Protein backbone atom coordinates (compact mmCIF):
# COMPACT_ATOMS: atom_id res chain seq x y z
CA UNK A 1 3.08 -11.09 26.68
CA UNK A 2 2.48 -10.96 22.98
CA UNK A 3 0.25 -8.66 20.96
CA UNK A 4 -1.47 -10.21 17.95
CA UNK A 5 -3.68 -8.21 15.61
CA UNK A 6 -6.63 -9.78 13.77
CA UNK A 7 -6.03 -7.87 10.52
CA UNK A 8 -2.97 -6.47 8.75
CA UNK A 9 -1.60 -3.12 9.78
CA UNK A 10 -1.13 -0.92 6.71
CA UNK A 11 1.38 1.92 6.56
CA UNK A 12 -0.60 3.81 3.92
CA UNK A 13 -3.83 3.74 5.96
CA UNK A 14 -2.26 4.82 9.25
CA UNK A 15 0.66 6.95 8.02
CA UNK A 16 2.87 4.46 9.85
CA UNK A 17 1.39 4.79 13.35
CA UNK A 18 -1.25 2.85 15.29
CA UNK A 19 -2.44 3.43 18.85
CA UNK A 20 -3.69 0.20 20.46
CA UNK A 21 -5.41 -0.21 23.81
CA UNK A 22 -4.37 -3.44 25.51
CA UNK A 23 -6.39 -4.85 28.41
CA UNK A 24 -5.22 -7.63 30.76
CA UNK A 25 -7.50 -9.52 33.13
CA UNK A 26 -6.30 -12.01 35.74
CA UNK A 27 -7.91 -15.43 36.04
CA UNK A 28 -9.17 -15.35 39.61
CA UNK A 29 -11.56 -18.29 40.03
CA UNK A 30 -14.16 -15.91 41.52
CA UNK A 31 -15.27 -13.70 38.58
CA UNK A 32 -16.32 -10.70 40.70
CA UNK A 33 -12.79 -10.54 42.20
CA UNK A 34 -10.95 -10.56 38.87
CA UNK A 35 -8.76 -7.53 38.34
CA UNK A 36 -8.30 -5.72 35.04
CA UNK A 37 -5.84 -3.10 33.82
CA UNK A 38 -5.37 -1.34 30.48
CA UNK A 39 -2.53 0.49 28.77
CA UNK A 40 -1.88 2.21 25.47
CA UNK A 41 0.66 0.75 23.05
CA UNK A 42 2.09 2.80 20.18
CA UNK A 43 2.99 0.72 17.11
CA UNK A 44 5.17 2.10 14.32
CA UNK A 45 4.64 0.26 11.03
CA UNK A 46 7.54 0.02 8.56
CA UNK A 47 6.56 0.77 4.96
CA UNK A 48 6.92 -2.07 2.45
CA UNK A 49 6.29 -2.14 -1.29
CA UNK A 50 2.94 -3.95 -1.09
CA UNK A 51 0.93 -2.25 -3.86
CA UNK A 52 1.45 -2.84 -7.58
CA UNK A 53 1.22 0.07 -10.03
CA UNK A 54 -2.19 0.36 -11.71
CA UNK A 55 -2.94 1.56 -15.24
CA UNK A 56 -6.45 3.05 -15.51
CA UNK A 57 -7.01 1.28 -18.85
CA UNK A 58 -5.70 -2.12 -19.92
CA UNK A 59 -5.14 -1.06 -23.54
CA UNK A 60 -4.28 2.23 -25.25
CA UNK A 61 -4.56 2.92 -28.99
CA UNK A 62 -4.46 2.31 -31.87
CA UNK A 63 -2.66 5.53 -32.80
CA UNK A 64 -2.02 6.94 -36.24
CA UNK A 65 1.10 8.99 -36.85
CA UNK A 66 2.50 10.37 -40.07
CA UNK A 67 5.55 8.50 -41.32
CA UNK A 68 8.80 10.43 -41.33
CA UNK A 69 7.69 13.12 -38.85
CA UNK A 70 10.26 13.82 -36.12
CA UNK A 71 9.35 13.16 -32.52
CA UNK A 72 5.58 13.42 -32.36
CA UNK A 73 4.03 12.82 -28.98
CA UNK A 74 1.80 9.82 -29.59
CA UNK A 75 0.17 9.42 -26.20
CA UNK A 76 0.64 10.12 -22.51
CA UNK A 77 0.48 7.01 -20.32
CA UNK A 78 -0.48 7.27 -16.68
CA UNK A 79 -0.12 4.76 -13.85
CA UNK A 80 -0.52 5.18 -10.09
CA UNK A 81 0.90 3.28 -7.12
CA UNK A 82 -0.77 3.46 -3.69
CA UNK A 83 2.52 2.92 -1.83
CA UNK A 84 4.18 5.79 0.04
CA UNK A 85 7.49 7.51 -0.64
CA UNK A 86 9.88 5.95 -3.13
CA UNK A 87 7.79 2.73 -3.16
CA UNK A 88 4.99 4.73 -4.78
CA UNK A 89 7.05 6.26 -7.59
CA UNK A 90 6.29 4.85 -11.03
CA UNK A 91 8.88 4.40 -13.77
CA UNK A 92 8.09 3.44 -17.37
CA UNK A 93 9.96 1.45 -20.00
CA UNK A 94 9.00 -0.12 -23.31
CA UNK A 95 9.52 -3.87 -22.95
CA UNK A 96 7.95 -5.24 -26.15
CA UNK A 97 6.34 -4.16 -29.38
CA UNK A 98 5.91 -4.84 -33.09
CA UNK A 99 9.04 -5.86 -34.96
CA UNK A 100 7.65 -4.67 -38.33
């Protein structure tokens, strides 16, 4: 047989484990004589990187800093990722900016 689910199984929702109850019914032509049996199936879901990091605000700033001052902290940027484990770790890098 084959088990098909009607919606996606999500590692983050289930912590990687689902317990399904599967029921089989034979096709006896006389309905009152049909036999049915059920069993429990344990499904382990493998985590995938399926959630993008999210910044709480689309734009930060503008910021004013004094010219010539060493190393001021301008702002702290925060992003979250709903994935589990290493898939949920967020790393930052500056990829563009003013060339002035």
